[in-house]
Amino acid sequence: MCDFWARIKVKKSRLDRLVDGLVESIAGCRSSDSRSIEDAYDEYWSQLGIRNRNLLCEEEPDLCEKIRTAENLAESRIAFAKH
């Protein structure tokens, strides 16, 4: 687990701050049609220092759930903003 401090940072971060960061990353993705939302997620988590989300989910399911919740809330916020 070489992303130890990044995991601590995500654990201590408030969910709304993670969602805000993801929304910004997705918005950047939308301005560049060549990137998918998954690419935006990967870029955001990578910027925070998370190197391998699959491994993280195996090792820390609770943290993985927090990340998935943040991603779902970010997508919901963007979908709501469109309407």
Protein backbone atom coordinates (compact mmCIF):
# COMPACT_ATOMS: atom_id res chain seq x y z
CA MET A 1 0.00 0.00 0.00
CA CYS A 2 2.23 2.81 -1.27
CA ASP A 3 -0.58 5.37 -1.28
CA PHE A 4 -0.98 5.27 2.51
CA TRP A 5 -1.09 9.05 3.04
CA ALA A 6 -3.46 9.56 0.12
CA ARG A 7 -5.85 7.07 1.67
CA ILE A 8 -5.65 8.90 5.00
CA LYS A 9 -6.37 12.17 3.20
CA VAL A 10 -9.47 10.72 1.51
CA LYS A 11 -10.64 9.14 4.78
CA LYS A 12 -10.42 12.49 6.57
CA SER A 13 -11.95 14.51 3.73
CA ARG A 14 -15.56 15.52 3.99
CA LEU A 15 -17.75 13.86 1.41
CA ASP A 16 -19.00 17.19 0.02
CA ARG A 17 -15.42 18.30 -0.68
CA LEU A 18 -14.70 15.09 -2.55
CA VAL A 19 -17.90 15.53 -4.55
CA ASP A 20 -16.95 19.13 -5.41
CA GLY A 21 -13.58 17.95 -6.71
CA LEU A 22 -15.16 15.20 -8.76
CA VAL A 23 -17.72 17.60 -10.26
CA GLU A 24 -14.87 19.89 -11.35
CA SER A 25 -13.01 16.95 -12.84
CA ILE A 26 -16.10 15.75 -14.71
CA ALA A 27 -16.76 19.28 -15.99
CA GLY A 28 -13.23 19.33 -17.39
CA CYS A 29 -13.92 15.96 -18.96
CA ARG A 30 -17.06 17.29 -20.63
CA SER A 31 -15.13 20.18 -22.18
CA SER A 32 -12.78 17.62 -23.72
CA ASP A 33 -14.99 15.09 -25.53
CA SER A 34 -12.20 12.56 -25.82
CA ARG A 35 -12.28 11.65 -22.10
CA SER A 36 -14.84 9.52 -20.33
CA ILE A 37 -16.23 10.09 -16.85
CA GLU A 38 -14.15 7.13 -15.68
CA ASP A 39 -11.07 8.96 -16.98
CA ALA A 40 -12.12 12.02 -14.97
CA TYR A 41 -12.50 9.86 -11.85
CA ASP A 42 -9.11 8.24 -12.39
CA GLU A 43 -7.48 11.63 -12.88
CA TYR A 44 -9.09 13.08 -9.75
CA TRP A 45 -8.16 10.17 -7.49
CA SER A 46 -4.68 10.07 -9.00
CA GLN A 47 -4.22 13.77 -8.21
CA LEU A 48 -5.07 12.96 -4.60
CA GLY A 49 -2.46 10.19 -4.67
CA ILE A 50 -4.66 7.09 -5.05
CA ARG A 51 -2.76 4.88 -7.46
CA ASN A 52 -4.89 1.76 -7.76
CA ARG A 53 -8.59 1.92 -6.89
CA ASN A 54 -9.10 -1.80 -7.46
CA LEU A 55 -6.45 -2.65 -4.89
CA LEU A 56 -7.83 -0.02 -2.53
CA CYS A 57 -11.28 -1.63 -2.77
CA GLU A 58 -9.82 -5.03 -1.90
CA GLU A 59 -7.84 -3.70 1.05
CA GLU A 60 -10.24 -1.07 2.40
CA PRO A 61 -13.87 -1.72 1.44
CA ASP A 62 -15.17 1.12 3.64
CA LEU A 63 -12.97 3.67 1.92
CA CYS A 64 -13.94 2.23 -1.44
CA GLU A 65 -17.60 2.73 -0.52
CA LYS A 66 -16.89 6.37 0.37
CA ILE A 67 -15.24 6.87 -3.02
CA ARG A 68 -18.16 5.24 -4.86
CA THR A 69 -20.64 7.34 -2.89
CA ALA A 70 -18.73 10.50 -3.84
CA GLU A 71 -18.72 9.46 -7.51
CA ASN A 72 -22.45 8.72 -7.47
CA LEU A 73 -23.26 12.03 -5.78
CA ALA A 74 -21.09 13.91 -8.29
CA GLU A 75 -22.91 12.29 -11.21
CA SER A 76 -26.27 13.07 -9.59
CA ARG A 77 -25.30 16.69 -9.04
CA ILE A 78 -24.28 17.06 -12.69
CA ALA A 79 -27.44 15.33 -13.93
CA PHE A 80 -29.57 17.60 -11.71
CA ALA A 81 -27.75 20.71 -12.96
CA LYS A 82 -28.59 19.78 -16.56
CA HIS A 83 -32.33 19.94 -15.88
